[in-house]
């Protein structure tokens, strides 16, 4: 029993130290074209001095996200608006699943309530915003590990790439094209005759 208590105290100290380096919850808006889903963990009653501190993993539409979240931490996912199946898995043992119909621009809070009694016991539920905001403000962001890319996820990087694709391609003017051709001639890449021919093609082009 003494050894177990020491292990528990050591774990709590390490959690406090690591927790201080993690980002506290801060309200965010969903990314463009996405729904923002938070998964956060709180502790229920009957928590005692045990070294069995649980962690939870998140699964989205059958894809394990490889993100571990402990009590008083949260994870966040920007997801495409669609029907989605989200699961919480406790210590790779027990799994609970929620089916959601996501609406674009809306934020969802999924709460895991972790219990110590009956190892493996927990609740996983969608919580009203008002209640969730009171609870999640005391949690910190569980820095995720790099997981497998998932099409349903929307990231800032994906949005930036999409915006780049939308940028119009500005064609060079005839003057700029002739200047480029002239530089090729000056660099000895093409002959004077080739330059004159290329210049004529540029001038006569529509």
C-alpha atoms as a PDB file:
ATOM      1  CA  UNK A   1       0.000   0.000   0.000  1.00  0.00           C
ATOM      2  CA  UNK A   2       2.855   2.385   0.870  1.00  0.00           C
ATOM      3  CA  UNK A   3       4.571   1.645  -2.440  1.00  0.00           C
ATOM      4  CA  UNK A   4       1.328   2.278  -4.314  1.00  0.00           C
ATOM      5  CA  UNK A   5       0.878   5.636  -2.552  1.00  0.00           C
ATOM      6  CA  UNK A   6       4.424   6.690  -3.427  1.00  0.00           C
ATOM      7  CA  UNK A   7       3.848   5.754  -7.077  1.00  0.00           C
ATOM      8  CA  UNK A   8       0.612   7.716  -7.122  1.00  0.00           C
ATOM      9  CA  UNK A   9       2.208  10.815  -5.566  1.00  0.00           C
ATOM     10  CA  UNK A  10       5.104  10.641  -8.038  1.00  0.00           C
ATOM     11  CA  UNK A  11       2.688  10.381 -10.927  1.00  0.00           C
ATOM     12  CA  UNK A  12       0.658  13.363  -9.702  1.00  0.00           C
ATOM     13  CA  UNK A  13       3.828  15.468  -9.340  1.00  0.00           C
ATOM     14  CA  UNK A  14       4.906  14.570 -12.885  1.00  0.00           C
ATOM     15  CA  UNK A  15       1.428  15.392 -14.230  1.00  0.00           C
ATOM     16  CA  UNK A  16       1.517  18.789 -12.484  1.00  0.00           C
ATOM     17  CA  UNK A  17       4.968  19.525 -13.923  1.00  0.00           C
ATOM     18  CA  UNK A  18       4.019  18.473 -17.448  1.00  0.00           C
ATOM     19  CA  UNK A  19       0.660  20.222 -17.144  1.00  0.00           C
ATOM     20  CA  UNK A  20       2.390  23.521 -16.427  1.00  0.00           C
ATOM     21  CA  UNK A  21       4.076  23.322 -19.830  1.00  0.00           C
ATOM     22  CA  UNK A  22       0.820  22.635 -21.699  1.00  0.00           C
ATOM     23  CA  UNK A  23      -1.493  25.257 -23.131  1.00  0.00           C
ATOM     24  CA  UNK A  24      -4.615  26.102 -21.079  1.00  0.00           C
ATOM     25  CA  UNK A  25      -7.981  25.979 -22.826  1.00  0.00           C
ATOM     26  CA  UNK A  26      -8.802  29.054 -24.890  1.00  0.00           C
ATOM     27  CA  UNK A  27     -12.022  29.453 -26.862  1.00  0.00           C
ATOM     28  CA  UNK A  28     -11.542  29.126 -30.624  1.00  0.00           C
ATOM     29  CA  UNK A  29     -13.715  29.337 -33.712  1.00  0.00           C
ATOM     30  CA  UNK A  30     -13.922  26.369 -36.107  1.00  0.00           C
ATOM     31  CA  UNK A  31     -11.720  26.620 -39.191  1.00  0.00           C
ATOM     32  CA  UNK A  32     -13.379  27.524 -42.474  1.00  0.00           C
ATOM     33  CA  UNK A  33     -15.726  24.763 -43.652  1.00  0.00           C
ATOM     34  CA  UNK A  34     -15.307  22.753 -40.453  1.00  0.00           C
ATOM     35  CA  UNK A  35     -16.954  21.838 -37.180  1.00  0.00           C
ATOM     36  CA  UNK A  36     -14.766  22.046 -34.071  1.00  0.00           C
ATOM     37  CA  UNK A  37     -14.965  19.031 -31.766  1.00  0.00           C
ATOM     38  CA  UNK A  38     -13.423  19.019 -28.287  1.00  0.00           C
ATOM     39  CA  UNK A  39     -12.833  15.815 -26.334  1.00  0.00           C
ATOM     40  CA  UNK A  40     -11.997  16.524 -22.688  1.00  0.00           C
ATOM     41  CA  UNK A  41     -11.551  14.392 -19.590  1.00  0.00           C
ATOM     42  CA  UNK A  42     -12.773  15.104 -16.061  1.00  0.00           C
ATOM     43  CA  UNK A  43     -12.643  12.878 -12.997  1.00  0.00           C
ATOM     44  CA  UNK A  44     -15.753  11.488 -11.359  1.00  0.00           C
ATOM     45  CA  UNK A  45     -16.187  10.382  -7.760  1.00  0.00           C
ATOM     46  CA  UNK A  46     -14.492   7.457  -6.001  1.00  0.00           C
ATOM     47  CA  UNK A  47     -10.979   8.408  -7.171  1.00  0.00           C
ATOM     48  CA  UNK A  48      -8.524   7.005  -4.656  1.00  0.00           C
ATOM     49  CA  UNK A  49      -4.776   6.558  -4.323  1.00  0.00           C
ATOM     50  CA  UNK A  50      -4.105   4.072  -7.072  1.00  0.00           C
ATOM     51  CA  UNK A  51      -1.288   3.976  -9.601  1.00  0.00           C
ATOM     52  CA  UNK A  52      -3.810   3.064 -12.307  1.00  0.00           C
ATOM     53  CA  UNK A  53      -4.193   6.559 -13.751  1.00  0.00           C
ATOM     54  CA  UNK A  54      -6.101   6.042 -17.026  1.00  0.00           C
ATOM     55  CA  UNK A  55      -5.448   7.624 -20.382  1.00  0.00           C
ATOM     56  CA  UNK A  56      -7.851   7.851 -23.308  1.00  0.00           C
ATOM     57  CA  UNK A  57      -7.413   7.618 -27.066  1.00  0.00           C
ATOM     58  CA  UNK A  58      -9.734   9.022 -29.719  1.00  0.00           C
ATOM     59  CA  UNK A  59     -11.003   7.148 -32.754  1.00  0.00           C
ATOM     60  CA  UNK A  60     -12.740   8.960 -35.628  1.00  0.00           C
ATOM     61  CA  UNK A  61     -14.680   6.888 -38.154  1.00  0.00           C
ATOM     62  CA  UNK A  62     -12.591   3.847 -37.291  1.00  0.00           C
ATOM     63  CA  UNK A  63      -9.241   5.703 -37.501  1.00  0.00           C
ATOM     64  CA  UNK A  64      -7.212   5.728 -34.283  1.00  0.00           C
ATOM     65  CA  UNK A  65      -5.860   9.265 -33.904  1.00  0.00           C
ATOM     66  CA  UNK A  66      -2.936   8.190 -31.674  1.00  0.00           C
ATOM     67  CA  UNK A  67      -3.591  11.128 -29.356  1.00  0.00           C
ATOM     68  CA  UNK A  68      -3.483  10.332 -25.640  1.00  0.00           C
ATOM     69  CA  UNK A  69      -5.468  12.495 -23.248  1.00  0.00           C
ATOM     70  CA  UNK A  70      -5.343  12.236 -19.453  1.00  0.00           C
ATOM     71  CA  UNK A  71      -7.729  13.628 -16.796  1.00  0.00           C
ATOM     72  CA  UNK A  72      -7.945  17.449 -16.852  1.00  0.00           C
ATOM     73  CA  UNK A  73      -6.755  17.584 -20.476  1.00  0.00           C
ATOM     74  CA  UNK A  74      -8.498  18.105 -23.814  1.00  0.00           C
ATOM     75  CA  UNK A  75      -8.015  17.405 -27.506  1.00  0.00           C
ATOM     76  CA  UNK A  76      -9.541  19.310 -30.428  1.00  0.00           C
ATOM     77  CA  UNK A  77     -10.347  18.355 -34.014  1.00  0.00           C
ATOM     78  CA  UNK A  78     -11.614  20.459 -36.908  1.00  0.00           C
ATOM     79  CA  UNK A  79     -13.795  18.058 -38.881  1.00  0.00           C
ATOM     80  CA  UNK A  80     -15.600  18.292 -42.202  1.00  0.00           C
ATOM     81  CA  UNK A  81     -19.338  18.670 -41.778  1.00  0.00           C
ATOM     82  CA  UNK A  82     -20.794  15.210 -41.999  1.00  0.00           C
ATOM     83  CA  UNK A  83     -22.091  12.311 -40.012  1.00  0.00           C
ATOM     84  CA  UNK A  84     -19.192  11.095 -37.913  1.00  0.00           C
ATOM     85  CA  UNK A  85     -18.520   8.331 -35.402  1.00  0.00           C
ATOM     86  CA  UNK A  86     -16.240   9.334 -32.536  1.00  0.00           C
ATOM     87  CA  UNK A  87     -15.025   6.874 -29.911  1.00  0.00           C
ATOM     88  CA  UNK A  88     -13.139   7.205 -26.642  1.00  0.00           C
ATOM     89  CA  UNK A  89     -10.983   4.239 -25.641  1.00  0.00           C
ATOM     90  CA  UNK A  90      -9.769   3.886 -22.080  1.00  0.00           C
ATOM     91  CA  UNK A  91      -6.277   2.441 -21.654  1.00  0.00           C
ATOM     92  CA  UNK A  92      -6.826   0.266 -24.750  1.00  0.00           C
ATOM     93  CA  UNK A  93      -9.474  -1.689 -22.823  1.00  0.00           C
ATOM     94  CA  UNK A  94     -12.965  -0.204 -22.931  1.00  0.00           C
ATOM     95  CA  UNK A  95     -14.492   1.681 -25.850  1.00  0.00           C
ATOM     96  CA  UNK A  96     -17.532   3.951 -26.016  1.00  0.00           C
ATOM     97  CA  UNK A  97     -18.872   5.569 -29.194  1.00  0.00           C
ATOM     98  CA  UNK A  98     -20.956   8.616 -30.117  1.00  0.00           C
ATOM     99  CA  UNK A  99     -22.595   9.247 -33.500  1.00  0.00           C
ATOM    100  CA  UNK A 100     -22.852  12.921 -34.439  1.00  0.00           C
ATOM    101  CA  UNK A 101     -24.325  14.852 -37.344  1.00  0.00           C
ATOM    102  CA  UNK A 102     -21.944  17.806 -37.501  1.00  0.00           C
ATOM    103  CA  UNK A 103     -23.041  21.259 -38.608  1.00  0.00           C
ATOM    104  CA  UNK A 104     -20.583  23.624 -40.251  1.00  0.00           C
ATOM    105  CA  UNK A 105     -19.331  26.398 -37.963  1.00  0.00           C
ATOM    106  CA  UNK A 106     -20.609  24.738 -34.780  1.00  0.00           C
ATOM    107  CA  UNK A 107     -18.508  23.658 -31.790  1.00  0.00           C
ATOM    108  CA  UNK A 108     -19.159  20.369 -29.972  1.00  0.00           C
ATOM    109  CA  UNK A 109     -17.952  19.311 -26.529  1.00  0.00           C
ATOM    110  CA  UNK A 110     -17.563  15.603 -25.800  1.00  0.00           C
ATOM    111  CA  UNK A 111     -16.858  14.812 -22.172  1.00  0.00           C
ATOM    112  CA  UNK A 112     -15.143  11.746 -20.793  1.00  0.00           C
ATOM    113  CA  UNK A 113     -15.898  11.251 -17.094  1.00  0.00           C
ATOM    114  CA  UNK A 114     -13.191   9.003 -15.675  1.00  0.00           C
ATOM    115  CA  UNK A 115     -13.929   6.776 -12.663  1.00  0.00           C
ATOM    116  CA  UNK A 116     -11.529   4.697 -10.614  1.00  0.00           C
ATOM    117  CA  UNK A 117     -14.041   2.222  -9.242  1.00  0.00           C
ATOM    118  CA  UNK A 118     -14.318  -0.858 -11.446  1.00  0.00           C
ATOM    119  CA  UNK A 119     -11.169  -0.333 -13.504  1.00  0.00           C
ATOM    120  CA  UNK A 120     -12.164   0.572 -17.040  1.00  0.00           C
ATOM    121  CA  UNK A 121     -15.383   2.379 -16.108  1.00  0.00           C
ATOM    122  CA  UNK A 122     -16.064   5.776 -17.708  1.00  0.00           C
ATOM    123  CA  UNK A 123     -18.826   7.848 -19.315  1.00  0.00           C
ATOM    124  CA  UNK A 124     -18.610   9.460 -22.769  1.00  0.00           C
ATOM    125  CA  UNK A 125     -21.267  12.000 -23.732  1.00  0.00           C
ATOM    126  CA  UNK A 126     -22.112  15.150 -25.669  1.00  0.00           C
ATOM    127  CA  UNK A 127     -22.389  18.031 -23.191  1.00  0.00           C
ATOM    128  CA  UNK A 128     -24.340  21.315 -23.595  1.00  0.00           C
ATOM    129  CA  UNK A 129     -22.070  24.294 -24.320  1.00  0.00           C
ATOM    130  CA  UNK A 130     -22.830  26.193 -21.101  1.00  0.00           C
ATOM    131  CA  UNK A 131     -21.954  23.241 -18.885  1.00  0.00           C
ATOM    132  CA  UNK A 132     -18.928  22.230 -20.954  1.00  0.00           C
ATOM    133  CA  UNK A 133     -17.372  25.705 -20.877  1.00  0.00           C
ATOM    134  CA  UNK A 134     -17.418  25.685 -17.076  1.00  0.00           C
ATOM    135  CA  UNK A 135     -15.544  22.357 -17.018  1.00  0.00           C
ATOM    136  CA  UNK A 136     -13.142  22.620 -19.934  1.00  0.00           C
ATOM    137  CA  UNK A 137     -11.718  25.974 -18.823  1.00  0.00           C
ATOM    138  CA  UNK A 138      -9.808  24.097 -16.103  1.00  0.00           C
ATOM    139  CA  UNK A 139      -8.153  21.692 -18.556  1.00  0.00           C
ATOM    140  CA  UNK A 140      -5.015  21.892 -20.702  1.00  0.00           C
ATOM    141  CA  UNK A 141      -4.324  20.885 -24.275  1.00  0.00           C
ATOM    142  CA  UNK A 142      -2.926  17.360 -24.486  1.00  0.00           C
ATOM    143  CA  UNK A 143      -0.220  17.898 -27.098  1.00  0.00           C
ATOM    144  CA  UNK A 144      -0.981  15.222 -29.705  1.00  0.00           C
ATOM    145  CA  UNK A 145       1.516  12.913 -31.283  1.00  0.00           C
ATOM    146  CA  UNK A 146       1.775  12.858 -35.072  1.00  0.00           C
ATOM    147  CA  UNK A 147      -0.992  10.610 -36.280  1.00  0.00           C
ATOM    148  CA  UNK A 148      -2.094   9.253 -39.623  1.00  0.00           C
ATOM    149  CA  UNK A 149      -3.500  11.848 -42.055  1.00  0.00           C
ATOM    150  CA  UNK A 150      -7.283  11.692 -42.198  1.00  0.00           C
ATOM    151  CA  UNK A 151      -9.414  13.232 -44.977  1.00  0.00           C
ATOM    152  CA  UNK A 152     -12.119  14.248 -42.530  1.00  0.00           C
ATOM    153  CA  UNK A 153      -9.695  16.490 -40.620  1.00  0.00           C
ATOM    154  CA  UNK A 154      -9.313  20.124 -41.623  1.00  0.00           C
ATOM    155  CA  UNK A 155      -6.045  21.847 -40.717  1.00  0.00           C
ATOM    156  CA  UNK A 156      -4.669  25.345 -41.276  1.00  0.00           C
ATOM    157  CA  UNK A 157      -2.109  23.824 -43.634  1.00  0.00           C
ATOM    158  CA  UNK A 158      -4.838  22.242 -45.774  1.00  0.00           C
ATOM    159  CA  UNK A 159      -6.736  25.537 -45.951  1.00  0.00           C
ATOM    160  CA  UNK A 160      -3.583  27.429 -46.961  1.00  0.00           C
ATOM    161  CA  UNK A 161      -2.911  24.948 -49.771  1.00  0.00           C
ATOM    162  CA  UNK A 162      -6.500  25.273 -50.999  1.00  0.00           C
ATOM    163  CA  UNK A 163      -6.180  29.068 -51.043  1.00  0.00           C
ATOM    164  CA  UNK A 164      -2.940  28.805 -53.018  1.00  0.00           C
ATOM    165  CA  UNK A 165      -4.712  26.673 -55.634  1.00  0.00           C
ATOM    166  CA  UNK A 166      -7.428  29.320 -55.958  1.00  0.00           C
ATOM    167  CA  UNK A 167      -4.924  32.105 -56.681  1.00  0.00           C
ATOM    168  CA  UNK A 168      -5.227  33.155 -60.343  1.00  0.00           C
ATOM    169  CA  UNK A 169      -2.233  32.416 -62.542  1.00  0.00           C
ATOM    170  CA  UNK A 170      -1.058  35.754 -63.924  1.00  0.00           C
ATOM    171  CA  UNK A 171       0.340  35.310 -67.429  1.00  0.00           C
ATOM    172  CA  UNK A 172       3.345  37.321 -68.509  1.00  0.00           C
ATOM    173  CA  UNK A 173       2.899  40.213 -70.897  1.00  0.00           C
ATOM    174  CA  UNK A 174       4.386  40.055 -74.405  1.00  0.00           C
ATOM    175  CA  UNK A 175       7.055  42.543 -73.343  1.00  0.00           C
ATOM    176  CA  UNK A 176       8.100  40.318 -70.444  1.00  0.00           C
ATOM    177  CA  UNK A 177       8.201  37.259 -72.687  1.00  0.00           C
ATOM    178  CA  UNK A 178      10.371  39.077 -75.264  1.00  0.00           C
ATOM    179  CA  UNK A 179      12.656  40.226 -72.427  1.00  0.00           C
ATOM    180  CA  UNK A 180      13.009  36.613 -71.243  1.00  0.00           C
ATOM    181  CA  UNK A 181      13.784  35.478 -74.790  1.00  0.00           C
ATOM    182  CA  UNK A 182      16.366  38.228 -75.162  1.00  0.00           C
ATOM    183  CA  UNK A 183      18.058  37.072 -71.952  1.00  0.00           C
ATOM    184  CA  UNK A 184      18.251  33.548 -73.373  1.00  0.00           C
ATOM    185  CA  UNK A 185      20.013  34.993 -76.427  1.00  0.00           C
ATOM    186  CA  UNK A 186      22.383  37.055 -74.268  1.00  0.00           C
ATOM    187  CA  UNK A 187      23.234  33.962 -72.222  1.00  0.00           C
ATOM    188  CA  UNK A 188      24.024  32.056 -75.400  1.00  0.00           C
ATOM    189  CA  UNK A 189      21.203  29.573 -74.927  1.00  0.00           C
ATOM    190  CA  UNK A 190      19.546  30.481 -78.257  1.00  0.00           C
ATOM    191  CA  UNK A 191      20.920  32.082 -81.451  1.00  0.00           C
ATOM    192  CA  UNK A 192      19.981  35.472 -82.908  1.00  0.00           C
ATOM    193  CA  UNK A 193      17.918  33.714 -85.556  1.00  0.00           C
ATOM    194  CA  UNK A 194      16.065  31.657 -82.942  1.00  0.00           C
ATOM    195  CA  UNK A 195      15.465  34.808 -80.914  1.00  0.00           C
ATOM    196  CA  UNK A 196      13.966  36.639 -83.917  1.00  0.00           C
ATOM    197  CA  UNK A 197      11.675  33.687 -84.632  1.00  0.00           C
ATOM    198  CA  UNK A 198      10.578  33.433 -80.986  1.00  0.00           C
ATOM    199  CA  UNK A 199      10.019  37.195 -80.835  1.00  0.00           C
ATOM    200  CA  UNK A 200       7.777  37.049 -83.914  1.00  0.00           C
ATOM    201  CA  UNK A 201       5.744  34.186 -82.409  1.00  0.00           C
ATOM    202  CA  UNK A 202       5.231  36.167 -79.189  1.00  0.00           C
ATOM    203  CA  UNK A 203       4.131  39.313 -81.036  1.00  0.00           C
ATOM    204  CA  UNK A 204       1.702  37.410 -83.270  1.00  0.00           C
ATOM    205  CA  UNK A 205       0.237  35.304 -80.468  1.00  0.00           C
ATOM    206  CA  UNK A 206      -3.353  36.049 -79.393  1.00  0.00           C
END
